Amino acid sequence: MSAIGIRVRASAGTRPRVRGLVWLVARQHRAALWAGLAVVVAIAAYIVWQRAEMMGYVRAHDIQGCTEQNWEGLCHGRDIDPRDGTSPTADALRHLSDTYRTPLLNTGRLLIALPALIGVFIGAPLFARELETGTHRLVWTQSVGRTRWLIAKLALPLTAVTTGTAVLAALYTWWWRAARPQLQDIAWGTAVPFDATGPAAVALAPPAFLLGAAAGLLLRRTVPAMAVTLGATAGVQYGLDALRPHLMTPWTVVSDAPGAFPSIPRNVYFTAWRDLGGGFLTRSGEKVPLDRCSSATDSEDAWNRCLERFGATRRWYEELHPASHYWPMQWTQTGICLAAAVALAAVCLWWIRRGRA
C-alpha cells in the first residue's frame, strides 16, 4: 500500500488493476464522475456549435473585425453607421448581436455558477455523508490512517473538477475572443466574461470544492454543509467582483479643458473596462466623485453649490482599466483563489488530525 493507499495487481495476460483508496473513491463517486463528464461534454459541444455558427455568419457577411465603433464608421470600405437603416453591414452587426449575445452571456453565467454547484453537490457531501452515517470508521479501522484517507478522498474529485472547468474555460475563452470585436459594449472586467474565461475561471473551482469539503468535516451533516457552502461560495464570488477593480491601479484620464470630457484614444476607449468612476478635479488635483453630489439633483444651482463646497473645478476625470490589464488581473485573482484553496486544504488536514471520530 502506498502513501495514499494504492495497490496494483497484475497477472499474466491481464492489465494491471488499481486497488486501494483510489479505487474505493472512484467506485464510491463513479455516478458523480460520469454525470460530471456528461455535463462537461454537453456544455463543450454547445460552445463549439455556437462559435461555429457565429463565425460562419461573420464570414458569410464579411464582417470580420467590424464593429459599430470602427474608426471613420467604416469597415472594409463600407458604411457601418447603425443609424443608417439601409446599411447591410450595420444590419448584419445588429443581427449578430441579437442572435449570439444572449447565448454567450448565459453560457458565461452558467460557468460562473459551476463552482458553487461543485462545492454544494460534490464538496459538501464528500465527508459529511460518511461522518453522518459513520461509514468512515470502517476505513479507519483498516490499515489506512486518517490523513491518507483525507488525501485520497480529496485528490480524485479535485483533479476531476479542475480538469473539467479548465476545458470549459478554455473553450469559452476561445468563443469570447472570437465574439469580442463585435460585442465591445460588454466590459471585459464584469463577472461575465472575466470569471468565465482564463485561469481565473479555473481557479474558482478548487476553493469552492474545498470549502464544501471543510464545511462537511466541521459540521458533520450533509444538508447544513451544503447550505453553508452555497452561501459562502456566493459571498466569495461577490467579494471577488467587488475587489476586482482594485487588483491593479486604474488609469486616470483628465480633460484638457474645463467642461470638456477626457480625451481617450479610440483604440483604448473601446477596448477598456470603463465606468469605474469619474467626476471633477479640484485646483490642487484632488478627485471629487460625482456621487458626492448625487443628492443635489433638484436644480442646476444646487448642483453647482455642491461642487463649489468641495472646491471642484470643471475639469473632468475618468478612471478605466485598459485591455492590457486583463491578464495581470486574471493572474492576480487566480493567485488569491489558489491561496484560499491551500488554506482550506490546511483546515481539512488540521481537523482530520485533531477531530474526533
Protein backbone atom coordinates (compact mmCIF):
# COMPACT_ATOMS: atom_id res chain seq x y z
CA MET A 1 0.00 0.00 0.00
CA SER A 2 1.42 3.40 -0.98
CA ALA A 3 1.10 6.73 0.79
CA ILE A 4 -2.46 7.16 -0.47
CA GLY A 5 -3.49 3.56 -0.44
CA ILE A 6 -2.83 2.39 -3.98
CA ARG A 7 -2.22 -1.27 -4.72
CA VAL A 8 -1.53 -2.52 -8.25
CA ARG A 9 -2.23 -6.15 -9.10
CA ALA A 10 -1.23 -7.81 -12.32
CA SER A 11 -1.24 -11.36 -13.56
CA ALA A 12 -0.09 -12.99 -16.75
CA GLY A 13 -2.10 -11.85 -19.74
CA THR A 14 -4.12 -9.23 -17.81
CA ARG A 15 -3.81 -5.49 -17.41
CA PRO A 16 -2.66 -4.08 -14.06
CA ARG A 17 -5.60 -3.13 -11.87
CA VAL A 18 -5.59 -0.35 -9.33
CA ARG A 19 -6.84 -1.20 -5.87
CA GLY A 20 -6.86 0.59 -2.56
CA LEU A 21 -8.20 4.00 -1.65
CA VAL A 22 -8.08 5.45 -5.16
CA TRP A 23 -10.16 2.55 -6.46
CA LEU A 24 -12.53 2.87 -3.49
CA VAL A 25 -13.05 6.62 -4.03
CA ALA A 26 -13.61 6.09 -7.75
CA ARG A 27 -16.17 3.37 -7.02
CA GLN A 28 -17.94 5.48 -4.42
CA HIS A 29 -18.26 8.50 -6.70
CA ARG A 30 -18.48 6.88 -10.12
CA ALA A 31 -22.04 8.15 -10.65
CA ALA A 32 -20.99 11.72 -9.90
CA LEU A 33 -17.90 11.38 -12.09
CA TRP A 34 -19.92 10.12 -15.06
CA ALA A 35 -22.56 12.82 -14.53
CA GLY A 36 -19.88 15.49 -14.38
CA LEU A 37 -18.28 14.17 -17.56
CA ALA A 38 -21.66 14.29 -19.30
CA VAL A 39 -22.19 17.91 -18.20
CA VAL A 40 -18.74 18.94 -19.44
CA VAL A 41 -19.25 17.23 -22.80
CA ALA A 42 -22.69 18.81 -23.24
CA ILE A 43 -21.53 22.35 -22.43
CA ALA A 44 -18.38 21.93 -24.53
CA ALA A 45 -20.41 20.73 -27.51
CA TYR A 46 -22.80 23.68 -27.14
CA ILE A 47 -19.91 26.18 -27.05
CA VAL A 48 -18.25 24.67 -30.12
CA TRP A 49 -21.56 24.64 -32.01
CA GLN A 50 -22.44 28.25 -31.10
CA ARG A 51 -18.99 29.53 -32.03
CA ALA A 52 -19.03 27.68 -35.35
CA GLU A 53 -22.47 29.12 -36.16
CA MET A 54 -21.34 32.63 -35.21
CA MET A 55 -18.12 32.50 -37.21
CA GLY A 56 -19.99 31.10 -40.20
CA TYR A 57 -22.35 34.10 -40.08
CA VAL A 58 -19.42 36.53 -39.71
CA ARG A 59 -17.64 35.06 -42.74
CA ALA A 60 -20.82 34.87 -44.81
CA HIS A 61 -21.47 38.61 -44.29
CA ASP A 62 -17.79 39.63 -44.43
CA ILE A 63 -17.84 41.48 -41.10
CA GLN A 64 -14.64 40.09 -39.55
CA GLY A 65 -13.28 42.76 -37.22
CA CYS A 66 -16.22 45.10 -37.88
CA THR A 67 -17.91 46.93 -35.03
CA GLU A 68 -20.22 49.89 -34.73
CA GLN A 69 -17.29 51.75 -33.19
CA ASN A 70 -14.93 51.31 -36.15
CA TRP A 71 -12.75 54.26 -36.99
CA GLU A 72 -14.39 56.58 -39.53
CA GLY A 73 -17.57 54.47 -39.28
CA LEU A 74 -16.26 52.19 -41.99
CA CYS A 75 -15.49 48.50 -42.28
CA HIS A 76 -13.72 47.19 -45.36
CA GLY A 77 -14.69 50.47 -47.03
CA ARG A 78 -18.41 50.09 -46.22
CA ASP A 79 -20.55 52.35 -44.02
CA ILE A 80 -21.50 50.71 -40.72
CA ASP A 81 -23.28 53.63 -39.05
CA PRO A 82 -26.08 51.90 -37.05
CA ARG A 83 -28.30 54.95 -37.61
CA ASP A 84 -28.30 54.21 -41.32
CA GLY A 85 -31.07 51.65 -41.66
CA THR A 86 -30.11 50.91 -45.26
CA SER A 87 -26.59 49.73 -44.40
CA PRO A 88 -26.29 45.95 -44.90
CA THR A 89 -23.19 45.86 -42.71
CA ALA A 90 -24.95 47.60 -39.83
CA ASP A 91 -27.90 45.23 -40.21
CA ALA A 92 -25.57 42.24 -40.12
CA LEU A 93 -23.88 43.53 -36.97
CA ARG A 94 -27.23 44.10 -35.26
CA HIS A 95 -28.39 40.61 -36.20
CA LEU A 96 -25.13 39.13 -34.93
CA SER A 97 -25.56 40.87 -31.57
CA ASP A 98 -29.25 39.94 -31.27
CA THR A 99 -28.58 36.29 -32.11
CA TYR A 100 -25.39 35.44 -30.25
CA ARG A 101 -25.13 37.96 -27.41
CA THR A 102 -27.65 36.25 -25.12
CA PRO A 103 -26.26 32.68 -25.58
CA LEU A 104 -22.75 33.99 -24.94
CA LEU A 105 -23.72 35.77 -21.73
CA ASN A 106 -25.97 32.97 -20.45
CA THR A 107 -23.24 30.37 -21.02
CA GLY A 108 -20.83 32.57 -19.10
CA ARG A 109 -23.32 32.84 -16.22
CA LEU A 110 -23.64 29.06 -16.19
CA LEU A 111 -19.86 28.66 -15.95
CA ILE A 112 -19.78 31.17 -13.09
CA ALA A 113 -22.41 29.11 -11.26
CA LEU A 114 -20.43 25.86 -11.68
CA PRO A 115 -18.03 26.46 -8.74
CA ALA A 116 -20.98 26.89 -6.37
CA LEU A 117 -22.59 23.71 -7.73
CA ILE A 118 -19.29 21.86 -7.36
CA GLY A 119 -18.95 22.97 -3.76
CA VAL A 120 -22.56 22.17 -2.86
CA PHE A 121 -23.07 18.83 -4.61
CA ILE A 122 -19.53 17.41 -4.68
CA GLY A 123 -17.50 19.06 -1.94
CA ALA A 124 -20.06 19.28 0.90
CA PRO A 125 -21.30 15.64 0.80
CA LEU A 126 -17.79 14.23 0.31
CA PHE A 127 -17.06 13.89 4.03
CA ALA A 128 -20.33 14.96 5.62
CA ARG A 129 -22.22 11.92 4.34
CA GLU A 130 -19.63 9.46 5.68
CA LEU A 131 -19.34 11.24 9.02
CA GLU A 132 -23.12 11.43 9.29
CA THR A 133 -23.63 7.72 8.64
CA GLY A 134 -20.46 6.57 10.43
CA THR A 135 -19.06 4.61 7.46
CA HIS A 136 -15.71 6.38 7.85
CA ARG A 137 -14.94 4.22 10.89
CA LEU A 138 -14.74 1.10 8.71
CA VAL A 139 -11.91 2.65 6.67
CA TRP A 140 -10.10 3.97 9.73
CA THR A 141 -10.04 0.52 11.34
CA GLN A 142 -8.14 -0.84 8.34
CA SER A 143 -4.50 -0.15 7.55
CA VAL A 144 -5.39 3.34 6.27
CA GLY A 145 -4.79 6.34 8.50
CA ARG A 146 -6.92 9.44 8.66
CA THR A 147 -4.51 11.62 6.69
CA ARG A 148 -4.18 9.12 3.83
CA TRP A 149 -7.95 8.71 3.76
CA LEU A 150 -8.40 12.50 3.52
CA ILE A 151 -5.81 12.90 0.75
CA ALA A 152 -7.31 10.09 -1.31
CA LYS A 153 -10.84 11.42 -0.86
CA LEU A 154 -9.79 14.90 -1.98
CA ALA A 155 -7.36 14.07 -4.77
CA LEU A 156 -9.62 12.38 -7.31
CA PRO A 157 -12.62 14.77 -7.16
CA LEU A 158 -10.33 17.81 -7.06
CA THR A 159 -8.45 16.62 -10.14
CA ALA A 160 -11.71 15.88 -11.95
CA VAL A 161 -13.40 19.24 -11.24
CA THR A 162 -10.26 21.22 -12.04
CA THR A 163 -9.78 19.40 -15.34
CA GLY A 164 -13.42 19.83 -16.31
CA THR A 165 -13.51 23.56 -15.53
CA ALA A 166 -10.20 24.05 -17.35
CA VAL A 167 -11.65 22.50 -20.51
CA LEU A 168 -14.80 24.63 -20.34
CA ALA A 169 -12.88 27.82 -19.51
CA ALA A 170 -10.55 27.26 -22.47
CA LEU A 171 -13.45 26.72 -24.85
CA TYR A 172 -15.40 29.71 -23.54
CA THR A 173 -12.32 31.92 -23.81
CA TRP A 174 -11.96 30.72 -27.41
CA TRP A 175 -15.59 31.68 -28.08
CA TRP A 176 -15.33 35.03 -26.28
CA ARG A 177 -12.19 36.11 -28.12
CA ALA A 178 -13.96 35.48 -31.43
CA ALA A 179 -17.07 37.44 -30.36
CA ARG A 180 -15.33 40.32 -28.60
CA PRO A 181 -14.66 42.50 -31.70
CA GLN A 182 -18.39 42.62 -32.44
CA LEU A 183 -19.52 42.91 -28.79
CA GLN A 184 -17.21 45.60 -27.45
CA ASP A 185 -20.01 47.09 -25.32
CA ILE A 186 -19.64 44.17 -22.88
CA ALA A 187 -16.90 45.22 -20.47
CA TRP A 188 -14.26 42.53 -20.05
CA GLY A 189 -13.92 43.25 -16.31
CA THR A 190 -17.51 42.38 -15.40
CA ALA A 191 -18.37 38.97 -13.96
CA VAL A 192 -19.15 37.76 -17.48
CA PRO A 193 -16.75 37.28 -19.12
CA PHE A 194 -13.96 37.75 -16.55
CA ASP A 195 -14.94 34.94 -14.14
CA ALA A 196 -15.75 32.57 -17.03
CA THR A 197 -12.51 32.98 -19.01
CA GLY A 198 -8.81 32.42 -18.49
CA PRO A 199 -7.11 30.99 -15.40
CA ALA A 200 -9.44 32.90 -13.07
CA ALA A 201 -12.32 30.66 -14.17
CA VAL A 202 -10.30 27.52 -13.44
CA ALA A 203 -9.06 28.80 -10.07
CA LEU A 204 -12.59 29.29 -8.72
CA ALA A 205 -13.33 25.55 -8.68
CA PRO A 206 -10.70 24.29 -6.15
CA PRO A 207 -11.59 26.72 -3.31
CA ALA A 208 -15.31 26.11 -3.85
CA PHE A 209 -14.79 22.34 -3.69
CA LEU A 210 -12.51 22.55 -0.65
CA LEU A 211 -14.89 24.98 1.05
CA GLY A 212 -17.60 22.34 0.75
CA ALA A 213 -15.26 19.64 1.99
CA ALA A 214 -14.21 21.73 5.01
CA ALA A 215 -17.85 22.54 5.81
CA GLY A 216 -18.69 18.84 5.69
CA LEU A 217 -15.85 17.96 8.04
CA LEU A 218 -16.69 20.68 10.55
CA LEU A 219 -20.50 20.37 10.51
CA ARG A 220 -20.69 16.57 10.04
CA ARG A 221 -24.15 16.96 8.47
CA THR A 222 -24.79 16.95 4.73
CA VAL A 223 -27.67 19.40 4.35
CA PRO A 224 -26.25 22.10 6.66
CA ALA A 225 -22.86 21.75 4.96
CA MET A 226 -24.47 22.24 1.55
CA ALA A 227 -26.33 25.34 2.72
CA VAL A 228 -23.22 26.88 4.28
CA THR A 229 -21.19 26.11 1.16
CA LEU A 230 -23.73 27.76 -1.12
CA GLY A 231 -23.83 30.93 0.95
CA ALA A 232 -20.07 31.10 1.45
CA THR A 233 -19.28 30.47 -2.24
CA ALA A 234 -21.74 33.17 -3.32
CA GLY A 235 -20.13 35.53 -0.81
CA VAL A 236 -16.64 34.76 -2.11
CA GLN A 237 -17.66 35.43 -5.70
CA TYR A 238 -19.38 38.67 -4.71
CA GLY A 239 -16.24 39.71 -2.82
CA LEU A 240 -14.03 38.96 -5.81
CA ASP A 241 -16.29 41.08 -8.04
CA ALA A 242 -16.01 43.98 -5.58
CA LEU A 243 -12.25 43.55 -5.26
CA ARG A 244 -11.53 43.22 -8.98
CA PRO A 245 -11.37 46.94 -9.89
CA HIS A 246 -8.68 47.35 -7.23
CA LEU A 247 -6.44 44.46 -8.29
CA MET A 248 -4.48 46.99 -10.33
CA THR A 249 -4.35 50.77 -10.19
CA PRO A 250 -6.72 52.07 -12.88
CA TRP A 251 -5.69 54.70 -15.35
CA THR A 252 -6.99 58.18 -14.69
CA VAL A 253 -7.62 60.32 -17.78
CA VAL A 254 -8.29 64.03 -17.40
CA SER A 255 -9.95 66.53 -19.71
CA ASP A 256 -7.74 69.05 -21.47
CA ALA A 257 -10.06 71.98 -20.81
CA PRO A 258 -12.78 72.91 -18.27
CA GLY A 259 -16.16 71.46 -19.22
CA ALA A 260 -14.69 69.05 -21.76
CA PHE A 261 -14.79 65.29 -21.35
CA PRO A 262 -11.49 63.40 -21.13
CA SER A 263 -9.90 62.72 -24.47
CA ILE A 264 -9.21 58.97 -24.76
CA PRO A 265 -7.71 57.35 -27.87
CA ARG A 266 -10.35 55.31 -29.64
CA ASN A 267 -8.24 52.14 -29.70
CA VAL A 268 -8.02 52.40 -25.88
CA TYR A 269 -11.54 53.62 -25.19
CA PHE A 270 -13.46 50.86 -26.98
CA THR A 271 -11.37 48.03 -25.51
CA ALA A 272 -11.10 49.37 -21.94
CA TRP A 273 -13.12 48.48 -18.86
CA ARG A 274 -14.80 51.80 -18.20
CA ASP A 275 -17.43 53.19 -15.79
CA LEU A 276 -15.16 52.60 -12.79
CA GLY A 277 -15.55 56.13 -11.53
CA GLY A 278 -15.38 59.72 -12.60
CA GLY A 279 -16.03 63.25 -11.53
CA PHE A 280 -14.29 66.60 -11.22
CA LEU A 281 -10.87 67.71 -10.03
CA THR A 282 -10.09 70.42 -7.55
CA ARG A 283 -7.46 73.06 -8.24
CA SER A 284 -4.99 71.01 -6.23
CA GLY A 285 -5.75 67.89 -8.30
CA GLU A 286 -7.88 66.05 -5.74
CA LYS A 287 -10.76 63.96 -7.07
CA VAL A 288 -14.39 64.79 -6.34
CA PRO A 289 -16.51 61.79 -7.47
CA LEU A 290 -19.87 62.54 -9.00
CA ASP A 291 -21.70 60.62 -6.28
CA ARG A 292 -20.57 63.24 -3.75
CA CYS A 293 -23.30 65.46 -5.16
CA SER A 294 -25.77 62.75 -6.14
CA SER A 295 -28.38 64.17 -3.74
CA ALA A 296 -28.14 67.68 -5.23
CA THR A 297 -30.30 66.96 -8.26
CA ASP A 298 -33.14 69.42 -7.57
CA SER A 299 -31.67 72.12 -9.76
CA GLU A 300 -28.53 73.16 -11.54
CA ASP A 301 -27.89 75.77 -8.84
CA ALA A 302 -27.95 73.10 -6.13
CA TRP A 303 -25.53 71.02 -8.18
CA ASN A 304 -23.16 73.96 -8.64
CA ARG A 305 -23.28 74.85 -4.93
CA CYS A 306 -22.42 71.26 -4.04
CA LEU A 307 -19.41 71.26 -6.35
CA GLU A 308 -18.25 74.61 -5.01
CA ARG A 309 -18.48 73.28 -1.45
CA PHE A 310 -15.92 70.60 -2.37
CA GLY A 311 -13.79 73.04 -4.35
CA ALA A 312 -14.34 71.21 -7.64
CA THR A 313 -13.42 72.80 -10.91
CA ARG A 314 -14.96 71.96 -14.28
CA ARG A 315 -12.17 69.61 -15.30
CA TRP A 316 -13.46 66.08 -15.69
CA TYR A 317 -11.60 62.89 -14.90
CA GLU A 318 -12.46 59.26 -15.64
CA GLU A 319 -10.95 56.02 -14.33
CA LEU A 320 -10.59 52.92 -16.50
CA HIS A 321 -8.66 49.71 -16.92
CA PRO A 322 -7.11 49.34 -20.40
CA ALA A 323 -7.20 45.98 -22.13
CA SER A 324 -3.55 45.43 -21.17
CA HIS A 325 -4.67 44.98 -17.53
CA TYR A 326 -6.75 41.90 -18.35
CA TRP A 327 -4.08 39.22 -17.98
CA PRO A 328 -2.32 40.69 -14.90
CA MET A 329 -5.70 40.92 -13.17
CA GLN A 330 -6.53 37.37 -14.24
CA TRP A 331 -3.36 36.01 -12.68
CA THR A 332 -3.77 38.11 -9.54
CA GLN A 333 -7.26 36.77 -8.92
CA THR A 334 -6.00 33.26 -9.70
CA GLY A 335 -3.34 33.63 -7.03
CA ILE A 336 -5.93 34.77 -4.47
CA CYS A 337 -8.15 31.77 -5.21
CA LEU A 338 -5.29 29.28 -5.06
CA ALA A 339 -4.09 30.75 -1.75
CA ALA A 340 -7.62 30.30 -0.38
CA ALA A 341 -7.63 26.70 -1.65
CA VAL A 342 -4.35 25.94 0.13
CA ALA A 343 -5.71 27.46 3.36
CA LEU A 344 -8.89 25.36 3.14
CA ALA A 345 -6.86 22.20 2.48
CA ALA A 346 -4.81 23.03 5.58
CA VAL A 347 -8.03 23.35 7.60
CA CYS A 348 -9.12 19.91 6.41
CA LEU A 349 -5.77 18.38 7.38
CA TRP A 350 -5.85 20.07 10.79
CA TRP A 351 -9.36 18.79 11.53
CA ILE A 352 -8.71 15.22 10.43
CA ARG A 353 -5.65 15.01 12.71
CA ARG A 354 -7.30 16.60 15.73
CA GLY A 355 -11.02 16.00 15.27
CA ARG A 356 -12.93 13.25 16.96
CA ALA A 357 -14.08 10.20 15.04
